[in-house]
C-alpha atoms as a PDB file:
ATOM      1  CA  MET A   1     -24.212  36.604 -51.399  1.00  0.00           C
ATOM      2  CA  THR A   2     -21.523  38.788 -53.308  1.00  0.00           C
ATOM      3  CA  LEU A   3     -18.101  39.609 -51.668  1.00  0.00           C
ATOM      4  CA  SER A   4     -16.191  42.749 -52.795  1.00  0.00           C
ATOM      5  CA  ARG A   5     -14.316  45.258 -51.316  1.00  0.00           C
ATOM      6  CA  LYS A   6     -14.129  48.873 -52.660  1.00  0.00           C
ATOM      7  CA  GLY A   7     -10.886  49.007 -54.633  1.00  0.00           C
ATOM      8  CA  ALA A   8      -9.415  45.669 -54.084  1.00  0.00           C
ATOM      9  CA  GLU A   9      -9.457  42.649 -56.198  1.00  0.00           C
ATOM     10  CA  SER A  10     -11.458  39.665 -54.751  1.00  0.00           C
ATOM     11  CA  ARG A  11     -10.576  36.266 -55.160  1.00  0.00           C
ATOM     12  CA  THR A  12     -14.259  35.690 -56.400  1.00  0.00           C
ATOM     13  CA  ARG A  13     -14.057  38.775 -58.566  1.00  0.00           C
ATOM     14  CA  GLY A  14     -17.760  39.733 -57.852  1.00  0.00           C
ATOM     15  CA  ARG A  15     -19.163  36.172 -58.306  1.00  0.00           C
ATOM     16  CA  LYS A  16     -21.573  34.816 -55.888  1.00  0.00           C
ATOM     17  CA  VAL A  17     -20.288  32.696 -53.120  1.00  0.00           C
ATOM     18  CA  ARG A  18     -22.574  30.067 -51.433  1.00  0.00           C
ATOM     19  CA  SER A  19     -22.809  29.940 -47.632  1.00  0.00           C
ATOM     20  CA  THR A  20     -21.311  26.382 -46.272  1.00  0.00           C
ATOM     21  CA  GLY A  21     -23.738  26.633 -43.473  1.00  0.00           C
ATOM     22  CA  THR A  22     -21.133  27.040 -40.806  1.00  0.00           C
ATOM     23  CA  LYS A  23     -23.440  29.016 -38.354  1.00  0.00           C
ATOM     24  CA  VAL A  24     -22.728  28.508 -34.622  1.00  0.00           C
ATOM     25  CA  ARG A  25     -25.489  26.205 -33.330  1.00  0.00           C
ATOM     26  CA  PRO A  26     -26.085  24.952 -29.939  1.00  0.00           C
ATOM     27  CA  HIS A  27     -25.278  21.253 -29.271  1.00  0.00           C
ATOM     28  CA  ALA A  28     -28.430  19.141 -29.802  1.00  0.00           C
ATOM     29  CA  GLY A  29     -29.313  17.823 -26.326  1.00  0.00           C
ATOM     30  CA  ARG A  30     -26.976  19.421 -24.478  1.00  0.00           C
ATOM     31  CA  SER A  31     -27.222  22.251 -22.216  1.00  0.00           C
ATOM     32  CA  ARG A  32     -24.763  23.919 -19.626  1.00  0.00           C
ATOM     33  CA  GLU A  33     -24.290  22.002 -16.598  1.00  0.00           C
ATOM     34  CA  PRO A  34     -25.406  23.748 -13.328  1.00  0.00           C
ATOM     35  CA  ARG A  35     -22.551  25.016 -11.175  1.00  0.00           C
ATOM     36  CA  ALA A  36     -23.302  22.255  -8.471  1.00  0.00           C
ATOM     37  CA  ASP A  37     -22.682  19.565 -11.209  1.00  0.00           C
ATOM     38  CA  LEU A  38     -19.304  21.105 -12.137  1.00  0.00           C
ATOM     39  CA  GLU A  39     -18.327  21.472  -8.426  1.00  0.00           C
ATOM     40  CA  GLN A  40     -19.114  17.751  -7.743  1.00  0.00           C
ATOM     41  CA  GLN A  41     -17.208  16.543 -10.716  1.00  0.00           C
ATOM     42  CA  LEU A  42     -14.152  18.765  -9.492  1.00  0.00           C
ATOM     43  CA  GLU A  43     -14.373  17.211  -6.147  1.00  0.00           C
ATOM     44  CA  ALA A  44     -14.389  13.694  -7.601  1.00  0.00           C
ATOM     45  CA  CYS A  45     -11.504  14.539  -9.723  1.00  0.00           C
ATOM     46  CA  ARG A  46      -9.775  15.799  -6.483  1.00  0.00           C
ATOM     47  CA  ARG A  47     -10.594  12.628  -4.633  1.00  0.00           C
ATOM     48  CA  ASP A  48      -9.073  10.804  -7.635  1.00  0.00           C
ATOM     49  CA  LEU A  49      -6.164  12.868  -7.651  1.00  0.00           C
ATOM     50  CA  ALA A  50      -5.404  12.348  -3.946  1.00  0.00           C
ATOM     51  CA  GLU A  51      -5.814   8.576  -4.207  1.00  0.00           C
ATOM     52  CA  ALA A  52      -3.442   8.420  -6.982  1.00  0.00           C
ATOM     53  CA  GLN A  53      -0.880  10.406  -4.967  1.00  0.00           C
ATOM     54  CA  GLU A  54      -1.318   8.100  -2.119  1.00  0.00           C
ATOM     55  CA  HIS A  55      -0.552   5.039  -4.371  1.00  0.00           C
ATOM     56  CA  LEU A  56       2.395   6.911  -5.752  1.00  0.00           C
ATOM     57  CA  THR A  57       3.752   7.578  -2.373  1.00  0.00           C
ATOM     58  CA  GLU A  58       3.321   4.067  -1.084  1.00  0.00           C
ATOM     59  CA  ALA A  59       5.034   2.696  -4.299  1.00  0.00           C
ATOM     60  CA  LEU A  60       7.902   5.064  -3.459  1.00  0.00           C
ATOM     61  CA  GLU A  61       8.206   4.054   0.038  1.00  0.00           C
ATOM     62  CA  GLN A  62       8.183   0.331  -1.248  1.00  0.00           C
ATOM     63  CA  GLN A  63      10.909   1.068  -3.603  1.00  0.00           C
ATOM     64  CA  THR A  64      13.031   2.810  -0.920  1.00  0.00           C
ATOM     65  CA  ALA A  65      12.572  -0.155   1.377  1.00  0.00           C
ATOM     66  CA  THR A  66      13.589  -2.552  -1.337  1.00  0.00           C
ATOM     67  CA  SER A  67      16.800  -0.261  -2.007  1.00  0.00           C
ATOM     68  CA  GLU A  68      17.611  -0.260   1.354  1.00  0.00           C
ATOM     69  CA  VAL A  69      17.637  -3.942   1.914  1.00  0.00           C
ATOM     70  CA  LEU A  70      19.482  -4.433  -1.413  1.00  0.00           C
ATOM     71  CA  ARG A  71      22.117  -1.970  -0.025  1.00  0.00           C
ATOM     72  CA  VAL A  72      22.448  -4.133   3.118  1.00  0.00           C
ATOM     73  CA  ILE A  73      22.744  -7.494   1.200  1.00  0.00           C
ATOM     74  CA  SER A  74      25.463  -5.968  -1.016  1.00  0.00           C
ATOM     75  CA  SER A  75      27.325  -4.427   1.802  1.00  0.00           C
ATOM     76  CA  SER A  76      27.358  -7.427   3.958  1.00  0.00           C
ATOM     77  CA  PRO A  77      27.514 -10.628   1.861  1.00  0.00           C
ATOM     78  CA  GLY A  78      26.794 -13.981   3.805  1.00  0.00           C
ATOM     79  CA  GLU A  79      25.573 -11.831   6.667  1.00  0.00           C
ATOM     80  CA  LEU A  80      21.849 -13.013   6.835  1.00  0.00           C
ATOM     81  CA  GLN A  81      21.056 -11.357  10.375  1.00  0.00           C
ATOM     82  CA  ALA A  82      21.814  -7.893   8.927  1.00  0.00           C
ATOM     83  CA  VAL A  83      19.478  -8.642   5.990  1.00  0.00           C
ATOM     84  CA  PHE A  84      16.627  -9.986   8.156  1.00  0.00           C
ATOM     85  CA  ASN A  85      16.924  -6.859  10.603  1.00  0.00           C
ATOM     86  CA  ALA A  86      16.741  -4.585   7.393  1.00  0.00           C
ATOM     87  CA  MET A  87      13.733  -6.621   5.833  1.00  0.00           C
ATOM     88  CA  LEU A  88      11.867  -6.474   9.349  1.00  0.00           C
ATOM     89  CA  ALA A  89      12.499  -2.768  10.060  1.00  0.00           C
ATOM     90  CA  ASN A  90      11.253  -1.891   6.511  1.00  0.00           C
ATOM     91  CA  ALA A  91       8.133  -4.190   6.807  1.00  0.00           C
ATOM     92  CA  THR A  92       7.442  -2.703  10.217  1.00  0.00           C
ATOM     93  CA  ARG A  93       7.634   0.960   9.056  1.00  0.00           C
ATOM     94  CA  LEU A  94       5.644   0.174   5.642  1.00  0.00           C
ATOM     95  CA  CYS A  95       2.886  -1.527   7.696  1.00  0.00           C
ATOM     96  CA  GLU A  96       2.874   1.324  10.255  1.00  0.00           C
ATOM     97  CA  ALA A  97       3.486  -1.365  12.868  1.00  0.00           C
ATOM     98  CA  SER A  98       5.054  -0.561  16.235  1.00  0.00           C
ATOM     99  CA  TYR A  99       6.844  -3.713  16.295  1.00  0.00           C
ATOM    100  CA  GLY A 100       7.462  -7.047  14.241  1.00  0.00           C
ATOM    101  CA  LEU A 101       8.719 -10.638  14.770  1.00  0.00           C
ATOM    102  CA  MET A 102      10.261 -12.492  11.697  1.00  0.00           C
ATOM    103  CA  LEU A 103      10.084 -16.170  11.946  1.00  0.00           C
ATOM    104  CA  LEU A 104      11.754 -18.838   9.569  1.00  0.00           C
ATOM    105  CA  CYS A 105       9.697 -21.797   8.812  1.00  0.00           C
ATOM    106  CA  GLU A 106      11.748 -25.018   8.990  1.00  0.00           C
ATOM    107  CA  GLY A 107       9.241 -27.896   8.133  1.00  0.00           C
ATOM    108  CA  ASP A 108       6.538 -27.899  10.836  1.00  0.00           C
ATOM    109  CA  ALA A 109       8.840 -25.701  13.143  1.00  0.00           C
ATOM    110  CA  PHE A 110       9.852 -22.159  13.354  1.00  0.00           C
ATOM    111  CA  ARG A 111      12.679 -20.312  14.411  1.00  0.00           C
ATOM    112  CA  SER A 112      13.041 -16.382  15.379  1.00  0.00           C
ATOM    113  CA  ALA A 113      15.124 -14.524  12.548  1.00  0.00           C
ATOM    114  CA  ALA A 114      14.491 -10.746  13.453  1.00  0.00           C
ATOM    115  CA  VAL A 115      12.802  -8.696  16.364  1.00  0.00           C
ATOM    116  CA  HIS A 116      12.207  -5.166  15.761  1.00  0.00           C
ATOM    117  CA  GLY A 117      10.449  -2.399  17.651  1.00  0.00           C
ATOM    118  CA  PRO A 118       9.793  -1.479  21.331  1.00  0.00           C
ATOM    119  CA  LEU A 119       9.302  -4.894  22.806  1.00  0.00           C
ATOM    120  CA  PRO A 120       9.852  -5.800  26.480  1.00  0.00           C
ATOM    121  CA  PRO A 121      13.392  -7.379  26.959  1.00  0.00           C
ATOM    122  CA  ALA A 122      11.804 -10.596  28.280  1.00  0.00           C
ATOM    123  CA  PHE A 123       9.892 -11.254  25.034  1.00  0.00           C
ATOM    124  CA  VAL A 124      12.999 -10.231  22.848  1.00  0.00           C
ATOM    125  CA  GLU A 125      15.034 -12.679  24.732  1.00  0.00           C
ATOM    126  CA  ARG A 126      12.633 -15.265  24.795  1.00  0.00           C
ATOM    127  CA  TRP A 127      12.085 -15.318  20.982  1.00  0.00           C
ATOM    128  CA  ARG A 128      15.666 -14.004  19.807  1.00  0.00           C
ATOM    129  CA  THR A 129      17.487 -17.095  20.849  1.00  0.00           C
ATOM    130  CA  GLY A 130      16.774 -18.723  17.466  1.00  0.00           C
ATOM    131  CA  THR A 131      15.408 -21.760  19.298  1.00  0.00           C
ATOM    132  CA  LEU A 132      13.450 -24.159  17.344  1.00  0.00           C
ATOM    133  CA  PHE A 133       9.904 -24.579  18.270  1.00  0.00           C
ATOM    134  CA  ARG A 134       6.815 -26.103  16.879  1.00  0.00           C
ATOM    135  CA  PRO A 135       3.780 -23.923  17.364  1.00  0.00           C
ATOM    136  CA  ASP A 136       0.267 -24.942  18.495  1.00  0.00           C
ATOM    137  CA  PRO A 137      -1.806 -25.129  15.409  1.00  0.00           C
ATOM    138  CA  ASP A 138      -4.428 -22.790  17.321  1.00  0.00           C
ATOM    139  CA  ILE A 139      -2.076 -20.023  17.489  1.00  0.00           C
ATOM    140  CA  PRO A 140      -3.498 -17.391  15.103  1.00  0.00           C
ATOM    141  CA  ALA A 141      -0.164 -16.136  13.242  1.00  0.00           C
ATOM    142  CA  PHE A 142       0.564 -19.886  12.723  1.00  0.00           C
ATOM    143  CA  ARG A 143      -2.783 -20.606  11.462  1.00  0.00           C
ATOM    144  CA  ALA A 144      -2.310 -17.542   9.010  1.00  0.00           C
ATOM    145  CA  ALA A 145       0.889 -18.948   7.975  1.00  0.00           C
ATOM    146  CA  GLN A 146      -0.555 -22.435   7.154  1.00  0.00           C
ATOM    147  CA  THR A 147      -3.773 -21.250   5.562  1.00  0.00           C
ATOM    148  CA  ARG A 148      -2.142 -18.273   3.831  1.00  0.00           C
ATOM    149  CA  GLN A 149      -5.362 -16.298   5.070  1.00  0.00           C
ATOM    150  CA  THR A 150      -5.767 -13.456   7.176  1.00  0.00           C
ATOM    151  CA  VAL A 151      -6.610 -14.304  10.796  1.00  0.00           C
ATOM    152  CA  GLN A 152      -8.047 -11.393  13.079  1.00  0.00           C
ATOM    153  CA  VAL A 153      -8.086 -11.967  16.774  1.00  0.00           C
ATOM    154  CA  ALA A 154      -9.797  -9.247  19.048  1.00  0.00           C
ATOM    155  CA  ASP A 155      -8.118 -10.658  22.353  1.00  0.00           C
ATOM    156  CA  LEU A 156      -5.166 -13.178  22.376  1.00  0.00           C
ATOM    157  CA  ARG A 157      -5.884 -14.104  25.844  1.00  0.00           C
ATOM    158  CA  THR A 158      -9.195 -15.737  24.754  1.00  0.00           C
ATOM    159  CA  THR A 159      -7.542 -18.206  21.880  1.00  0.00           C
ATOM    160  CA  PRO A 160      -7.456 -21.831  22.835  1.00  0.00           C
ATOM    161  CA  ALA A 161      -3.413 -21.752  22.556  1.00  0.00           C
ATOM    162  CA  TYR A 162      -3.417 -19.062  25.126  1.00  0.00           C
ATOM    163  CA  LEU A 163      -5.797 -20.671  27.392  1.00  0.00           C
ATOM    164  CA  ARG A 164      -3.750 -23.942  27.289  1.00  0.00           C
ATOM    165  CA  GLY A 165      -0.662 -22.024  28.359  1.00  0.00           C
ATOM    166  CA  ASP A 166       1.374 -22.190  25.143  1.00  0.00           C
ATOM    167  CA  PRO A 167       4.552 -20.015  25.542  1.00  0.00           C
ATOM    168  CA  PHE A 168       4.052 -18.084  22.290  1.00  0.00           C
ATOM    169  CA  PRO A 169       0.785 -16.645  22.800  1.00  0.00           C
ATOM    170  CA  VAL A 170       1.312 -16.308  26.583  1.00  0.00           C
ATOM    171  CA  SER A 171       4.490 -14.423  26.238  1.00  0.00           C
ATOM    172  CA  GLY A 172       2.887 -12.414  23.434  1.00  0.00           C
ATOM    173  CA  ALA A 173      -0.216 -11.333  25.474  1.00  0.00           C
ATOM    174  CA  ASP A 174       1.469 -11.080  29.148  1.00  0.00           C
ATOM    175  CA  VAL A 175       4.941 -10.175  28.336  1.00  0.00           C
ATOM    176  CA  ALA A 176       4.652  -7.992  25.079  1.00  0.00           C
ATOM    177  CA  GLY A 177       1.175  -6.678  25.654  1.00  0.00           C
ATOM    178  CA  ILE A 178       0.027  -8.009  21.993  1.00  0.00           C
END
């Protein structure tokens, strides 16, 4: 091929220039994806984005809760009750629970450290006292603490500890409605 413009000097000065083969060619083995496939990909991307936003929101809530607890710790040095109350309030909120009970483990016994949420006064008074108690090993919450495994119970009133009259599950089921 020869390149030239009338009245203009060409860089090739009338010499022949070879083609480099830069013609537009369709991609081998690739064809345009149908619209439905693209819409499915877009929906998958939207789901992934929503999931990522949910994880980000959850992480922010956890950081906020941690910040609140640290603020309580710094504003009341030596005041553990305020710290326990803040920890339990934030844990209850993060878990989207309606109430919570924090127990401290002392050897093979437990002591109530904090109570949070709309629990009946009789239950709160029973377990707020800080009295040391040794739980029945059949109580689901304490079995979970010992084994560090999740324990799910459909009805607390059917557990062996409740049927034997242990005060913890009895007050939980009959007084607090757990």
